[in-house]
C-alpha atoms as a PDB file:
ATOM      1  CA  UNK A   1     150.399  52.567 258.126  1.00  0.00           C
ATOM      2  CA  UNK A   2     151.958  52.197 261.569  1.00  0.00           C
ATOM      3  CA  UNK A   3     148.636  53.183 263.148  1.00  0.00           C
ATOM      4  CA  UNK A   4     146.984  50.139 261.550  1.00  0.00           C
ATOM      5  CA  UNK A   5     149.879  47.663 262.028  1.00  0.00           C
ATOM      6  CA  UNK A   6     147.507  44.914 263.220  1.00  0.00           C
ATOM      7  CA  UNK A   7     145.345  45.356 260.090  1.00  0.00           C
ATOM      8  CA  UNK A   8     147.375  44.907 256.898  1.00  0.00           C
ATOM      9  CA  UNK A   9     147.312  48.115 254.843  1.00  0.00           C
ATOM     10  CA  UNK A  10     148.559  47.891 251.294  1.00  0.00           C
ATOM     11  CA  UNK A  11     149.632  50.755 249.037  1.00  0.00           C
ATOM     12  CA  UNK A  12     146.135  51.157 247.537  1.00  0.00           C
ATOM     13  CA  UNK A  13     144.526  51.448 250.993  1.00  0.00           C
ATOM     14  CA  UNK A  14     147.157  53.912 252.183  1.00  0.00           C
ATOM     15  CA  UNK A  15     146.683  55.967 249.018  1.00  0.00           C
ATOM     16  CA  UNK A  16     142.931  56.280 249.644  1.00  0.00           C
ATOM     17  CA  UNK A  17     143.521  57.399 253.236  1.00  0.00           C
ATOM     18  CA  UNK A  18     146.039  60.064 252.145  1.00  0.00           C
ATOM     19  CA  UNK A  19     143.824  61.182 249.256  1.00  0.00           C
ATOM     20  CA  UNK A  20     140.815  61.551 251.578  1.00  0.00           C
ATOM     21  CA  UNK A  21     142.864  63.782 253.848  1.00  0.00           C
ATOM     22  CA  UNK A  22     144.063  65.888 250.904  1.00  0.00           C
ATOM     23  CA  UNK A  23     140.590  66.228 249.330  1.00  0.00           C
ATOM     24  CA  UNK A  24     138.844  66.864 252.627  1.00  0.00           C
ATOM     25  CA  UNK A  25     136.228  64.093 252.411  1.00  0.00           C
ATOM     26  CA  UNK A  26     136.054  60.349 252.973  1.00  0.00           C
ATOM     27  CA  UNK A  27     133.761  59.258 250.155  1.00  0.00           C
ATOM     28  CA  UNK A  28     135.378  56.223 248.512  1.00  0.00           C
ATOM     29  CA  UNK A  29     134.599  53.292 246.224  1.00  0.00           C
ATOM     30  CA  UNK A  30     136.156  50.108 247.584  1.00  0.00           C
ATOM     31  CA  UNK A  31     135.342  46.413 247.644  1.00  0.00           C
ATOM     32  CA  UNK A  32     137.480  46.171 250.789  1.00  0.00           C
ATOM     33  CA  UNK A  33     134.578  46.363 253.231  1.00  0.00           C
ATOM     34  CA  UNK A  34     136.370  45.080 256.335  1.00  0.00           C
ATOM     35  CA  UNK A  35     139.410  47.349 256.288  1.00  0.00           C
ATOM     36  CA  UNK A  36     137.559  50.567 255.534  1.00  0.00           C
ATOM     37  CA  UNK A  37     135.219  49.951 258.449  1.00  0.00           C
ATOM     38  CA  UNK A  38     138.335  50.289 260.655  1.00  0.00           C
ATOM     39  CA  UNK A  39     140.350  52.965 258.827  1.00  0.00           C
ATOM     40  CA  UNK A  40     139.757  56.607 259.649  1.00  0.00           C
ATOM     41  CA  UNK A  41     140.771  59.811 257.878  1.00  0.00           C
ATOM     42  CA  UNK A  42     141.663  63.008 259.685  1.00  0.00           C
ATOM     43  CA  UNK A  43     142.301  60.751 262.690  1.00  0.00           C
ATOM     44  CA  UNK A  44     138.661  60.126 263.611  1.00  0.00           C
ATOM     45  CA  UNK A  45     136.277  60.388 260.663  1.00  0.00           C
ATOM     46  CA  UNK A  46     134.938  57.112 259.198  1.00  0.00           C
ATOM     47  CA  UNK A  47     134.947  56.524 255.454  1.00  0.00           C
ATOM     48  CA  UNK A  48     131.729  56.558 253.439  1.00  0.00           C
ATOM     49  CA  UNK A  49     131.960  53.633 251.041  1.00  0.00           C
ATOM     50  CA  UNK A  50     129.697  54.466 248.103  1.00  0.00           C
ATOM     51  CA  UNK A  51     129.466  50.758 247.164  1.00  0.00           C
ATOM     52  CA  UNK A  52     127.516  50.044 250.344  1.00  0.00           C
ATOM     53  CA  UNK A  53     123.758  50.623 250.066  1.00  0.00           C
ATOM     54  CA  UNK A  54     123.479  52.312 253.482  1.00  0.00           C
ATOM     55  CA  UNK A  55     126.327  54.784 252.920  1.00  0.00           C
END
């Protein structure tokens, strides 16, 4: 959460980031399009939001 201090991260967002790291993939379902364009898992990998048509 400190890494993204300029972009508010709530408990749900933080939970998805931690879960992606534990599961070993960044496939998520989220209506939070803006934040998950910025968040990364495993330090550098972007999330794949399955709600977006081009994901």
